[in-house]
Amino acid sequence: MFDTVVVATDGSDSVKRAVDIALDLADRFDAEVHALSVIDASEVDASPEQLRAELRTALETTADAALATVEERAERDVTTATREGRPAVEICEYAREIDADVIATGTRGRHGENRLLLGSVAERIVRTSPVPVLTVRQLEPAGDGDVEDGDEIAANA
Protein backbone atom coordinates (compact mmCIF):
# COMPACT_ATOMS: atom_id res chain seq x y z
CA MET A 1 0.00 0.00 0.00
CA PHE A 2 2.82 2.45 0.81
CA ASP A 3 6.02 2.26 -1.21
CA THR A 4 7.46 5.68 -0.38
CA VAL A 5 7.09 7.56 2.92
CA VAL A 6 8.17 11.18 3.33
CA VAL A 7 9.00 12.21 6.89
CA ALA A 8 8.90 15.98 7.28
CA THR A 9 11.13 16.96 10.17
CA ASP A 10 12.47 20.08 11.81
CA GLY A 11 13.97 18.23 14.75
CA SER A 12 11.46 19.66 17.22
CA ASP A 13 9.88 17.71 20.05
CA SER A 14 6.54 17.76 18.22
CA VAL A 15 8.08 15.76 15.36
CA LYS A 16 9.84 13.02 17.35
CA ARG A 17 6.76 10.84 17.71
CA ALA A 18 5.87 11.39 14.03
CA VAL A 19 9.32 10.14 13.03
CA ASP A 20 8.89 6.97 15.07
CA ILE A 21 5.42 6.27 13.69
CA ALA A 22 6.49 7.01 10.10
CA LEU A 23 9.47 4.67 10.42
CA ASP A 24 7.20 1.97 11.84
CA LEU A 25 4.84 2.45 8.90
CA ALA A 26 7.75 2.16 6.46
CA ASP A 27 8.94 -1.02 8.19
CA ARG A 28 5.47 -2.58 8.03
CA PHE A 29 5.15 -1.91 4.30
CA ASP A 30 8.85 -2.29 3.46
CA ALA A 31 8.70 1.24 2.04
CA GLU A 32 11.42 3.66 1.05
CA VAL A 33 11.96 6.45 3.57
CA HIS A 34 12.68 10.03 2.56
CA ALA A 35 13.41 12.52 5.33
CA LEU A 36 12.95 16.16 4.42
CA SER A 37 13.77 19.28 6.39
CA VAL A 38 12.82 22.73 5.14
CA ILE A 39 14.59 25.92 6.09
CA ASP A 40 11.85 28.53 6.39
CA ALA A 41 12.90 31.28 3.98
CA SER A 42 10.52 33.77 5.61
CA GLU A 43 12.36 33.34 8.90
CA VAL A 44 15.67 34.18 7.21
CA ASP A 45 14.20 37.07 5.21
CA ALA A 46 12.60 38.59 8.32
CA SER A 47 15.90 38.76 10.19
CA PRO A 48 18.23 41.77 10.05
CA GLU A 49 20.40 41.62 6.93
CA GLN A 50 23.67 41.46 8.90
CA LEU A 51 22.43 38.32 10.69
CA ARG A 52 20.95 36.43 7.72
CA ALA A 53 24.04 34.40 6.82
CA GLU A 54 24.55 33.40 10.44
CA LEU A 55 20.88 32.49 10.86
CA ARG A 56 20.87 30.48 7.61
CA THR A 57 23.92 28.56 8.83
CA ALA A 58 22.25 27.85 12.19
CA LEU A 59 19.05 26.68 10.46
CA GLU A 60 21.08 24.44 8.11
CA THR A 61 22.83 22.91 11.12
CA THR A 62 19.47 22.27 12.79
CA ALA A 63 18.12 20.71 9.58
CA ASP A 64 21.17 18.45 9.26
CA ALA A 65 20.76 17.32 12.88
CA ALA A 66 17.06 16.61 12.34
CA LEU A 67 17.81 14.48 9.28
CA ALA A 68 20.62 12.67 11.08
CA THR A 69 18.17 11.78 13.87
CA VAL A 70 15.83 10.14 11.36
CA GLU A 71 18.73 8.18 9.86
CA GLU A 72 19.86 7.03 13.32
CA ARG A 73 16.39 5.84 14.31
CA ALA A 74 15.69 4.03 11.04
CA GLU A 75 16.45 0.37 10.52
CA ARG A 76 16.71 0.95 6.79
CA ASP A 77 18.35 3.37 4.37
CA VAL A 78 16.97 6.89 4.41
CA THR A 79 17.19 9.38 1.58
CA THR A 80 17.61 12.86 3.03
CA ALA A 81 17.02 16.29 1.57
CA THR A 82 17.06 19.88 2.75
CA ARG A 83 15.13 22.62 1.00
CA GLU A 84 14.62 26.30 1.56
CA GLY A 85 11.28 28.02 1.12
CA ARG A 86 7.81 27.88 2.63
CA PRO A 87 7.73 24.58 4.53
CA ALA A 88 4.27 23.36 3.47
CA VAL A 89 4.87 24.24 -0.17
CA GLU A 90 8.30 22.59 -0.25
CA ILE A 91 7.09 19.43 1.51
CA CYS A 92 4.18 18.98 -0.91
CA GLU A 93 6.38 19.69 -3.93
CA TYR A 94 8.96 17.17 -2.75
CA ALA A 95 6.23 14.54 -2.33
CA ARG A 96 5.10 15.19 -5.92
CA GLU A 97 8.65 15.00 -7.27
CA ILE A 98 9.42 11.61 -5.74
CA ASP A 99 5.91 10.21 -6.25
CA ALA A 100 5.44 9.64 -2.50
CA ASP A 101 2.53 7.62 -1.16
CA VAL A 102 2.23 9.41 2.19
CA ILE A 103 3.69 12.36 4.10
CA ALA A 104 4.18 12.02 7.86
CA THR A 105 4.48 15.15 9.96
CA GLY A 106 4.14 16.19 13.56
CA THR A 107 1.68 18.71 14.89
CA ARG A 108 1.61 20.66 18.08
CA GLY A 109 -2.13 20.16 18.30
CA ARG A 110 -3.02 23.84 18.65
CA HIS A 111 -6.67 24.62 19.20
CA GLY A 112 -8.95 27.63 18.95
CA GLU A 113 -7.48 31.10 18.57
CA ASN A 114 -3.86 29.92 18.56
CA ARG A 115 -4.53 27.77 15.53
CA LEU A 116 -6.30 30.62 13.76
CA LEU A 117 -3.71 33.25 14.62
CA LEU A 118 -0.54 31.23 14.17
CA GLY A 119 -1.60 28.87 11.41
CA SER A 120 -0.05 25.49 11.10
CA VAL A 121 2.40 23.95 8.66
CA ALA A 122 0.73 20.57 9.22
CA GLU A 123 -2.69 22.05 8.45
CA ARG A 124 -1.43 23.61 5.21
CA ILE A 125 0.15 20.31 4.20
CA VAL A 126 -3.13 18.49 4.81
CA ARG A 127 -5.03 21.06 2.71
CA THR A 128 -2.60 21.10 -0.24
CA SER A 129 -0.91 17.71 -0.32
CA PRO A 130 -1.17 15.59 -3.45
CA VAL A 131 -0.98 12.44 -1.27
CA PRO A 132 -2.42 11.32 2.09
CA VAL A 133 -0.92 13.00 5.15
CA LEU A 134 -0.33 11.29 8.48
CA THR A 135 -0.33 13.93 11.21
CA VAL A 136 0.95 12.80 14.57
CA ARG A 137 0.25 14.83 17.68
CA GLN A 138 2.87 15.01 20.38
CA LEU A 139 1.51 13.50 23.57
CA GLU A 140 1.74 15.67 26.65
CA PRO A 141 1.30 14.61 30.26
CA ALA A 142 -2.08 15.54 31.77
CA GLY A 143 -0.32 17.38 34.59
CA ASP A 144 0.31 14.50 36.97
CA GLY A 145 2.55 12.65 34.56
CA ASP A 146 -0.30 10.52 33.22
CA VAL A 147 -1.36 10.46 29.62
CA GLU A 148 -4.65 12.20 28.90
CA ASP A 149 -7.77 10.06 28.41
CA GLY A 150 -7.86 8.65 24.90
CA ASP A 151 -4.20 9.38 24.27
CA GLU A 152 -3.11 5.99 25.54
CA ILE A 153 -4.82 4.33 22.59
CA ALA A 154 -3.21 6.81 20.19
CA ALA A 155 0.20 6.13 21.71
CA ASN A 156 -0.17 2.47 20.83
CA ALA A 157 -1.39 3.10 17.28
C-alpha atoms as a PDB file:
ATOM      1  CA  MET A   1       0.000   0.000   0.000  1.00  0.00           C
ATOM      2  CA  PHE A   2       2.820   2.455   0.814  1.00  0.00           C
ATOM      3  CA  ASP A   3       6.019   2.259  -1.213  1.00  0.00           C
ATOM      4  CA  THR A   4       7.456   5.679  -0.378  1.00  0.00           C
ATOM      5  CA  VAL A   5       7.089   7.558   2.915  1.00  0.00           C
ATOM      6  CA  VAL A   6       8.169  11.180   3.332  1.00  0.00           C
ATOM      7  CA  VAL A   7       9.002  12.213   6.886  1.00  0.00           C
ATOM      8  CA  ALA A   8       8.896  15.982   7.282  1.00  0.00           C
ATOM      9  CA  THR A   9      11.128  16.964  10.174  1.00  0.00           C
ATOM     10  CA  ASP A  10      12.469  20.081  11.805  1.00  0.00           C
ATOM     11  CA  GLY A  11      13.969  18.229  14.753  1.00  0.00           C
ATOM     12  CA  SER A  12      11.461  19.659  17.221  1.00  0.00           C
ATOM     13  CA  ASP A  13       9.880  17.712  20.047  1.00  0.00           C
ATOM     14  CA  SER A  14       6.544  17.765  18.221  1.00  0.00           C
ATOM     15  CA  VAL A  15       8.079  15.759  15.360  1.00  0.00           C
ATOM     16  CA  LYS A  16       9.843  13.016  17.348  1.00  0.00           C
ATOM     17  CA  ARG A  17       6.756  10.844  17.711  1.00  0.00           C
ATOM     18  CA  ALA A  18       5.874  11.388  14.032  1.00  0.00           C
ATOM     19  CA  VAL A  19       9.324  10.143  13.026  1.00  0.00           C
ATOM     20  CA  ASP A  20       8.890   6.966  15.067  1.00  0.00           C
ATOM     21  CA  ILE A  21       5.424   6.270  13.686  1.00  0.00           C
ATOM     22  CA  ALA A  22       6.493   7.005  10.101  1.00  0.00           C
ATOM     23  CA  LEU A  23       9.471   4.674  10.416  1.00  0.00           C
ATOM     24  CA  ASP A  24       7.203   1.972  11.844  1.00  0.00           C
ATOM     25  CA  LEU A  25       4.842   2.450   8.896  1.00  0.00           C
ATOM     26  CA  ALA A  26       7.751   2.156   6.463  1.00  0.00           C
ATOM     27  CA  ASP A  27       8.941  -1.020   8.189  1.00  0.00           C
ATOM     28  CA  ARG A  28       5.472  -2.576   8.031  1.00  0.00           C
ATOM     29  CA  PHE A  29       5.149  -1.908   4.302  1.00  0.00           C
ATOM     30  CA  ASP A  30       8.848  -2.288   3.457  1.00  0.00           C
ATOM     31  CA  ALA A  31       8.696   1.240   2.041  1.00  0.00           C
ATOM     32  CA  GLU A  32      11.416   3.664   1.045  1.00  0.00           C
ATOM     33  CA  VAL A  33      11.962   6.450   3.572  1.00  0.00           C
ATOM     34  CA  HIS A  34      12.683  10.034   2.557  1.00  0.00           C
ATOM     35  CA  ALA A  35      13.415  12.519   5.326  1.00  0.00           C
ATOM     36  CA  LEU A  36      12.949  16.162   4.420  1.00  0.00           C
ATOM     37  CA  SER A  37      13.772  19.275   6.392  1.00  0.00           C
ATOM     38  CA  VAL A  38      12.820  22.729   5.144  1.00  0.00           C
ATOM     39  CA  ILE A  39      14.587  25.920   6.092  1.00  0.00           C
ATOM     40  CA  ASP A  40      11.850  28.528   6.389  1.00  0.00           C
ATOM     41  CA  ALA A  41      12.903  31.283   3.979  1.00  0.00           C
ATOM     42  CA  SER A  42      10.523  33.772   5.612  1.00  0.00           C
ATOM     43  CA  GLU A  43      12.364  33.345   8.897  1.00  0.00           C
ATOM     44  CA  VAL A  44      15.667  34.182   7.212  1.00  0.00           C
ATOM     45  CA  ASP A  45      14.197  37.067   5.214  1.00  0.00           C
ATOM     46  CA  ALA A  46      12.597  38.585   8.320  1.00  0.00           C
ATOM     47  CA  SER A  47      15.901  38.762  10.192  1.00  0.00           C
ATOM     48  CA  PRO A  48      18.229  41.768  10.048  1.00  0.00           C
ATOM     49  CA  GLU A  49      20.398  41.617   6.930  1.00  0.00           C
ATOM     50  CA  GLN A  50      23.667  41.463   8.897  1.00  0.00           C
ATOM     51  CA  LEU A  51      22.425  38.316  10.693  1.00  0.00           C
ATOM     52  CA  ARG A  52      20.946  36.430   7.722  1.00  0.00           C
ATOM     53  CA  ALA A  53      24.039  34.405   6.818  1.00  0.00           C
ATOM     54  CA  GLU A  54      24.552  33.404  10.442  1.00  0.00           C
ATOM     55  CA  LEU A  55      20.876  32.490  10.858  1.00  0.00           C
ATOM     56  CA  ARG A  56      20.865  30.484   7.614  1.00  0.00           C
ATOM     57  CA  THR A  57      23.919  28.555   8.835  1.00  0.00           C
ATOM     58  CA  ALA A  58      22.248  27.855  12.187  1.00  0.00           C
ATOM     59  CA  LEU A  59      19.053  26.675  10.459  1.00  0.00           C
ATOM     60  CA  GLU A  60      21.078  24.442   8.109  1.00  0.00           C
ATOM     61  CA  THR A  61      22.834  22.915  11.116  1.00  0.00           C
ATOM     62  CA  THR A  62      19.475  22.270  12.789  1.00  0.00           C
ATOM     63  CA  ALA A  63      18.117  20.705   9.582  1.00  0.00           C
ATOM     64  CA  ASP A  64      21.170  18.449   9.264  1.00  0.00           C
ATOM     65  CA  ALA A  65      20.763  17.319  12.881  1.00  0.00           C
ATOM     66  CA  ALA A  66      17.057  16.607  12.338  1.00  0.00           C
ATOM     67  CA  LEU A  67      17.808  14.482   9.277  1.00  0.00           C
ATOM     68  CA  ALA A  68      20.618  12.668  11.084  1.00  0.00           C
ATOM     69  CA  THR A  69      18.174  11.782  13.868  1.00  0.00           C
ATOM     70  CA  VAL A  70      15.829  10.141  11.363  1.00  0.00           C
ATOM     71  CA  GLU A  71      18.728   8.183   9.864  1.00  0.00           C
ATOM     72  CA  GLU A  72      19.860   7.029  13.317  1.00  0.00           C
ATOM     73  CA  ARG A  73      16.387   5.841  14.312  1.00  0.00           C
ATOM     74  CA  ALA A  74      15.692   4.031  11.041  1.00  0.00           C
ATOM     75  CA  GLU A  75      16.454   0.366  10.519  1.00  0.00           C
ATOM     76  CA  ARG A  76      16.707   0.950   6.787  1.00  0.00           C
ATOM     77  CA  ASP A  77      18.353   3.368   4.375  1.00  0.00           C
ATOM     78  CA  VAL A  78      16.969   6.888   4.413  1.00  0.00           C
ATOM     79  CA  THR A  79      17.189   9.380   1.576  1.00  0.00           C
ATOM     80  CA  THR A  80      17.614  12.857   3.033  1.00  0.00           C
ATOM     81  CA  ALA A  81      17.021  16.288   1.567  1.00  0.00           C
ATOM     82  CA  THR A  82      17.056  19.879   2.751  1.00  0.00           C
ATOM     83  CA  ARG A  83      15.134  22.615   0.998  1.00  0.00           C
ATOM     84  CA  GLU A  84      14.624  26.297   1.561  1.00  0.00           C
ATOM     85  CA  GLY A  85      11.280  28.018   1.115  1.00  0.00           C
ATOM     86  CA  ARG A  86       7.813  27.882   2.628  1.00  0.00           C
ATOM     87  CA  PRO A  87       7.727  24.577   4.529  1.00  0.00           C
ATOM     88  CA  ALA A  88       4.265  23.360   3.474  1.00  0.00           C
ATOM     89  CA  VAL A  89       4.868  24.240  -0.174  1.00  0.00           C
ATOM     90  CA  GLU A  90       8.301  22.593  -0.253  1.00  0.00           C
ATOM     91  CA  ILE A  91       7.092  19.433   1.505  1.00  0.00           C
ATOM     92  CA  CYS A  92       4.182  18.979  -0.910  1.00  0.00           C
ATOM     93  CA  GLU A  93       6.375  19.693  -3.932  1.00  0.00           C
ATOM     94  CA  TYR A  94       8.955  17.169  -2.747  1.00  0.00           C
ATOM     95  CA  ALA A  95       6.225  14.540  -2.332  1.00  0.00           C
ATOM     96  CA  ARG A  96       5.102  15.193  -5.917  1.00  0.00           C
ATOM     97  CA  GLU A  97       8.647  15.001  -7.267  1.00  0.00           C
ATOM     98  CA  ILE A  98       9.419  11.615  -5.743  1.00  0.00           C
ATOM     99  CA  ASP A  99       5.912  10.211  -6.246  1.00  0.00           C
ATOM    100  CA  ALA A 100       5.444   9.639  -2.501  1.00  0.00           C
ATOM    101  CA  ASP A 101       2.535   7.617  -1.160  1.00  0.00           C
ATOM    102  CA  VAL A 102       2.229   9.406   2.191  1.00  0.00           C
ATOM    103  CA  ILE A 103       3.693  12.361   4.097  1.00  0.00           C
ATOM    104  CA  ALA A 104       4.182  12.024   7.857  1.00  0.00           C
ATOM    105  CA  THR A 105       4.479  15.146   9.965  1.00  0.00           C
ATOM    106  CA  GLY A 106       4.141  16.192  13.556  1.00  0.00           C
ATOM    107  CA  THR A 107       1.682  18.706  14.891  1.00  0.00           C
ATOM    108  CA  ARG A 108       1.614  20.665  18.082  1.00  0.00           C
ATOM    109  CA  GLY A 109      -2.134  20.162  18.299  1.00  0.00           C
ATOM    110  CA  ARG A 110      -3.021  23.843  18.649  1.00  0.00           C
ATOM    111  CA  HIS A 111      -6.670  24.621  19.202  1.00  0.00           C
ATOM    112  CA  GLY A 112      -8.946  27.631  18.951  1.00  0.00           C
ATOM    113  CA  GLU A 113      -7.478  31.103  18.575  1.00  0.00           C
ATOM    114  CA  ASN A 114      -3.864  29.925  18.562  1.00  0.00           C
ATOM    115  CA  ARG A 115      -4.531  27.766  15.529  1.00  0.00           C
ATOM    116  CA  LEU A 116      -6.303  30.622  13.763  1.00  0.00           C
ATOM    117  CA  LEU A 117      -3.709  33.254  14.622  1.00  0.00           C
ATOM    118  CA  LEU A 118      -0.537  31.229  14.175  1.00  0.00           C
ATOM    119  CA  GLY A 119      -1.602  28.873  11.414  1.00  0.00           C
ATOM    120  CA  SER A 120      -0.052  25.491  11.095  1.00  0.00           C
ATOM    121  CA  VAL A 121       2.397  23.945   8.660  1.00  0.00           C
ATOM    122  CA  ALA A 122       0.733  20.574   9.216  1.00  0.00           C
ATOM    123  CA  GLU A 123      -2.691  22.047   8.447  1.00  0.00           C
ATOM    124  CA  ARG A 124      -1.425  23.614   5.212  1.00  0.00           C
ATOM    125  CA  ILE A 125       0.151  20.309   4.197  1.00  0.00           C
ATOM    126  CA  VAL A 126      -3.134  18.495   4.806  1.00  0.00           C
ATOM    127  CA  ARG A 127      -5.030  21.062   2.708  1.00  0.00           C
ATOM    128  CA  THR A 128      -2.600  21.104  -0.238  1.00  0.00           C
ATOM    129  CA  SER A 129      -0.911  17.710  -0.320  1.00  0.00           C
ATOM    130  CA  PRO A 130      -1.165  15.587  -3.452  1.00  0.00           C
ATOM    131  CA  VAL A 131      -0.981  12.443  -1.266  1.00  0.00           C
ATOM    132  CA  PRO A 132      -2.424  11.320   2.090  1.00  0.00           C
ATOM    133  CA  VAL A 133      -0.923  13.000   5.152  1.00  0.00           C
ATOM    134  CA  LEU A 134      -0.329  11.289   8.478  1.00  0.00           C
ATOM    135  CA  THR A 135      -0.329  13.932  11.208  1.00  0.00           C
ATOM    136  CA  VAL A 136       0.953  12.801  14.567  1.00  0.00           C
ATOM    137  CA  ARG A 137       0.253  14.828  17.679  1.00  0.00           C
ATOM    138  CA  GLN A 138       2.868  15.006  20.377  1.00  0.00           C
ATOM    139  CA  LEU A 139       1.508  13.504  23.573  1.00  0.00           C
ATOM    140  CA  GLU A 140       1.743  15.666  26.654  1.00  0.00           C
ATOM    141  CA  PRO A 141       1.300  14.609  30.257  1.00  0.00           C
ATOM    142  CA  ALA A 142      -2.076  15.537  31.766  1.00  0.00           C
ATOM    143  CA  GLY A 143      -0.321  17.376  34.592  1.00  0.00           C
ATOM    144  CA  ASP A 144       0.313  14.504  36.975  1.00  0.00           C
ATOM    145  CA  GLY A 145       2.546  12.646  34.563  1.00  0.00           C
ATOM    146  CA  ASP A 146      -0.300  10.522  33.220  1.00  0.00           C
ATOM    147  CA  VAL A 147      -1.358  10.461  29.621  1.00  0.00           C
ATOM    148  CA  GLU A 148      -4.654  12.197  28.896  1.00  0.00           C
ATOM    149  CA  ASP A 149      -7.775  10.059  28.414  1.00  0.00           C
ATOM    150  CA  GLY A 150      -7.865   8.653  24.901  1.00  0.00           C
ATOM    151  CA  ASP A 151      -4.196   9.381  24.267  1.00  0.00           C
ATOM    152  CA  GLU A 152      -3.109   5.988  25.545  1.00  0.00           C
ATOM    153  CA  ILE A 153      -4.815   4.332  22.593  1.00  0.00           C
ATOM    154  CA  ALA A 154      -3.211   6.813  20.192  1.00  0.00           C
ATOM    155  CA  ALA A 155       0.203   6.126  21.706  1.00  0.00           C
ATOM    156  CA  ASN A 156      -0.168   2.468  20.832  1.00  0.00           C
ATOM    157  CA  ALA A 157      -1.390   3.102  17.277  1.00  0.00           C
END
